Amino acid sequence: MHLIMPVLEQRWWVYILRCQGDVFYTGITTDMARRFKAHQEGMGARYTRSHKPVEIWCQFGPYTKNQALREERRIKKLSHQAKEELRA
C-alpha cells in the first residue's frame, strides 16, 4: 500500500525478520538496509541479539511514523501463522 505523503515527511517502513529458530521479529525503520545490518551485527534490538536474523521476511510501507507504529503494534499481536500469511 502506497500513500501520498508531503515531501518533508520521512518515509517509515514496517518490517518482519525471520530469525534463527523460525521466530519473527517486527520493527520499523526509515532505512531497511542499515537496520538489517545493525540487527545482524548485534546492534539492533535486544531480541535479535539472541535470535539472529536470517532474512527480511517482508516489509510494508511507506508510512508516516505514527502509521508505522500502529501497523507494527497490529502485526506484533498476530500469531506466527498469521504473520506467515502476510507474505503470501
C-alpha atoms as a PDB file:
ATOM      1  CA  MET A   1       0.000   0.000   0.000  1.00  0.00           C
ATOM      2  CA  HIS A   2       1.482   3.335  -1.018  1.00  0.00           C
ATOM      3  CA  LEU A   3       0.319   6.599   0.442  1.00  0.00           C
ATOM      4  CA  ILE A   4       0.788  10.120  -0.898  1.00  0.00           C
ATOM      5  CA  MET A   5       2.883  11.995   1.648  1.00  0.00           C
ATOM      6  CA  PRO A   6       4.276  15.524   1.890  1.00  0.00           C
ATOM      7  CA  VAL A   7       7.830  15.924   0.589  1.00  0.00           C
ATOM      8  CA  LEU A   8       9.170  16.787   4.064  1.00  0.00           C
ATOM      9  CA  GLU A   9       7.584  13.735   5.711  1.00  0.00           C
ATOM     10  CA  GLN A  10      10.009  10.882   6.396  1.00  0.00           C
ATOM     11  CA  ARG A  11       9.097   7.514   4.946  1.00  0.00           C
ATOM     12  CA  TRP A  12       8.843   4.755   7.524  1.00  0.00           C
ATOM     13  CA  TRP A  13       8.702   1.026   6.840  1.00  0.00           C
ATOM     14  CA  VAL A  14       7.365  -1.825   8.941  1.00  0.00           C
ATOM     15  CA  TYR A  15       9.413  -4.992   8.573  1.00  0.00           C
ATOM     16  CA  ILE A  16       9.361  -8.577   9.749  1.00  0.00           C
ATOM     17  CA  LEU A  17      12.606 -10.502  10.133  1.00  0.00           C
ATOM     18  CA  ARG A  18      12.713 -14.277  10.172  1.00  0.00           C
ATOM     19  CA  CYS A  19      15.226 -15.221  12.843  1.00  0.00           C
ATOM     20  CA  GLN A  20      17.003 -18.410  13.869  1.00  0.00           C
ATOM     21  CA  GLY A  21      14.616 -20.862  15.479  1.00  0.00           C
ATOM     22  CA  ASP A  22      11.865 -19.930  12.997  1.00  0.00           C
ATOM     23  CA  VAL A  23      10.745 -16.923  15.039  1.00  0.00           C
ATOM     24  CA  PHE A  24       9.766 -13.470  13.810  1.00  0.00           C
ATOM     25  CA  TYR A  25      10.855 -10.008  14.885  1.00  0.00           C
ATOM     26  CA  THR A  26       8.792  -6.965  13.832  1.00  0.00           C
ATOM     27  CA  GLY A  27      10.074  -3.388  13.817  1.00  0.00           C
ATOM     28  CA  ILE A  28      10.044  -0.051  11.999  1.00  0.00           C
ATOM     29  CA  THR A  29      12.774   1.909  10.235  1.00  0.00           C
ATOM     30  CA  THR A  30      13.482   4.629   7.700  1.00  0.00           C
ATOM     31  CA  ASP A  31      16.431   2.692   6.224  1.00  0.00           C
ATOM     32  CA  MET A  32      15.889  -1.052   5.843  1.00  0.00           C
ATOM     33  CA  ALA A  33      19.426  -1.942   4.705  1.00  0.00           C
ATOM     34  CA  ARG A  34      21.057  -0.075   7.601  1.00  0.00           C
ATOM     35  CA  ARG A  35      18.635  -1.526  10.160  1.00  0.00           C
ATOM     36  CA  PHE A  36      19.011  -5.121   8.936  1.00  0.00           C
ATOM     37  CA  LYS A  37      22.800  -4.777   9.076  1.00  0.00           C
ATOM     38  CA  ALA A  38      22.537  -3.445  12.632  1.00  0.00           C
ATOM     39  CA  HIS A  39      20.407  -6.450  13.629  1.00  0.00           C
ATOM     40  CA  GLN A  40      22.902  -8.856  12.037  1.00  0.00           C
ATOM     41  CA  GLU A  41      25.803  -7.202  13.873  1.00  0.00           C
ATOM     42  CA  GLY A  42      24.040  -7.409  17.238  1.00  0.00           C
ATOM     43  CA  MET A  43      23.476  -3.661  17.352  1.00  0.00           C
ATOM     44  CA  GLY A  44      19.734  -3.750  16.700  1.00  0.00           C
ATOM     45  CA  ALA A  45      17.079  -4.763  19.183  1.00  0.00           C
ATOM     46  CA  ARG A  46      17.909  -6.840  22.253  1.00  0.00           C
ATOM     47  CA  TYR A  47      15.689  -9.629  20.899  1.00  0.00           C
ATOM     48  CA  THR A  48      17.753 -10.052  17.723  1.00  0.00           C
ATOM     49  CA  ARG A  49      20.978 -10.332  19.710  1.00  0.00           C
ATOM     50  CA  SER A  50      19.866 -13.757  20.923  1.00  0.00           C
ATOM     51  CA  HIS A  51      17.672 -14.629  17.907  1.00  0.00           C
ATOM     52  CA  LYS A  52      19.942 -13.863  14.932  1.00  0.00           C
ATOM     53  CA  PRO A  53      18.127 -12.597  11.816  1.00  0.00           C
ATOM     54  CA  VAL A  54      18.168 -14.966   8.845  1.00  0.00           C
ATOM     55  CA  GLU A  55      16.278 -12.832   6.332  1.00  0.00           C
ATOM     56  CA  ILE A  56      13.983  -9.882   5.829  1.00  0.00           C
ATOM     57  CA  TRP A  57      10.715 -11.804   5.718  1.00  0.00           C
ATOM     58  CA  CYS A  58       8.649  -8.880   4.397  1.00  0.00           C
ATOM     59  CA  GLN A  59       8.251  -5.132   4.633  1.00  0.00           C
ATOM     60  CA  PHE A  60       5.350  -2.740   4.260  1.00  0.00           C
ATOM     61  CA  GLY A  61       5.126   0.974   3.584  1.00  0.00           C
ATOM     62  CA  PRO A  62       5.869   3.706   3.156  1.00  0.00           C
ATOM     63  CA  TYR A  63       4.055   5.145   6.157  1.00  0.00           C
ATOM     64  CA  THR A  64       4.299   8.170   8.389  1.00  0.00           C
ATOM     65  CA  LYS A  65       5.969   7.363  11.706  1.00  0.00           C
ATOM     66  CA  ASN A  66       2.621   7.214  13.529  1.00  0.00           C
ATOM     67  CA  GLN A  67       1.131   4.924  10.888  1.00  0.00           C
ATOM     68  CA  ALA A  68       4.196   2.661  11.061  1.00  0.00           C
ATOM     69  CA  LEU A  69       3.979   2.434  14.851  1.00  0.00           C
ATOM     70  CA  ARG A  70       0.294   1.474  14.654  1.00  0.00           C
ATOM     71  CA  GLU A  71       0.944  -1.144  11.968  1.00  0.00           C
ATOM     72  CA  GLU A  72       3.898  -2.557  13.934  1.00  0.00           C
ATOM     73  CA  ARG A  73       1.705  -2.902  17.032  1.00  0.00           C
ATOM     74  CA  ARG A  74      -1.026  -4.614  14.991  1.00  0.00           C
ATOM     75  CA  ILE A  75       1.416  -7.100  13.446  1.00  0.00           C
ATOM     76  CA  LYS A  76       3.087  -7.921  16.771  1.00  0.00           C
ATOM     77  CA  LYS A  77      -0.288  -9.096  18.081  1.00  0.00           C
ATOM     78  CA  LEU A  78      -0.696 -11.608  15.235  1.00  0.00           C
ATOM     79  CA  SER A  79       0.015 -15.315  15.592  1.00  0.00           C
ATOM     80  CA  HIS A  80       3.057 -16.867  13.921  1.00  0.00           C
ATOM     81  CA  GLN A  81       0.775 -18.400  11.271  1.00  0.00           C
ATOM     82  CA  ALA A  82      -0.920 -15.060  10.558  1.00  0.00           C
ATOM     83  CA  LYS A  83       2.490 -13.402  10.123  1.00  0.00           C
ATOM     84  CA  GLU A  84       3.489 -16.106   7.640  1.00  0.00           C
ATOM     85  CA  GLU A  85       0.320 -15.406   5.675  1.00  0.00           C
ATOM     86  CA  LEU A  86       1.188 -11.696   5.371  1.00  0.00           C
ATOM     87  CA  ARG A  87       3.881 -12.612   2.874  1.00  0.00           C
ATOM     88  CA  ALA A  88       1.659 -14.849   0.760  1.00  0.00           C
END
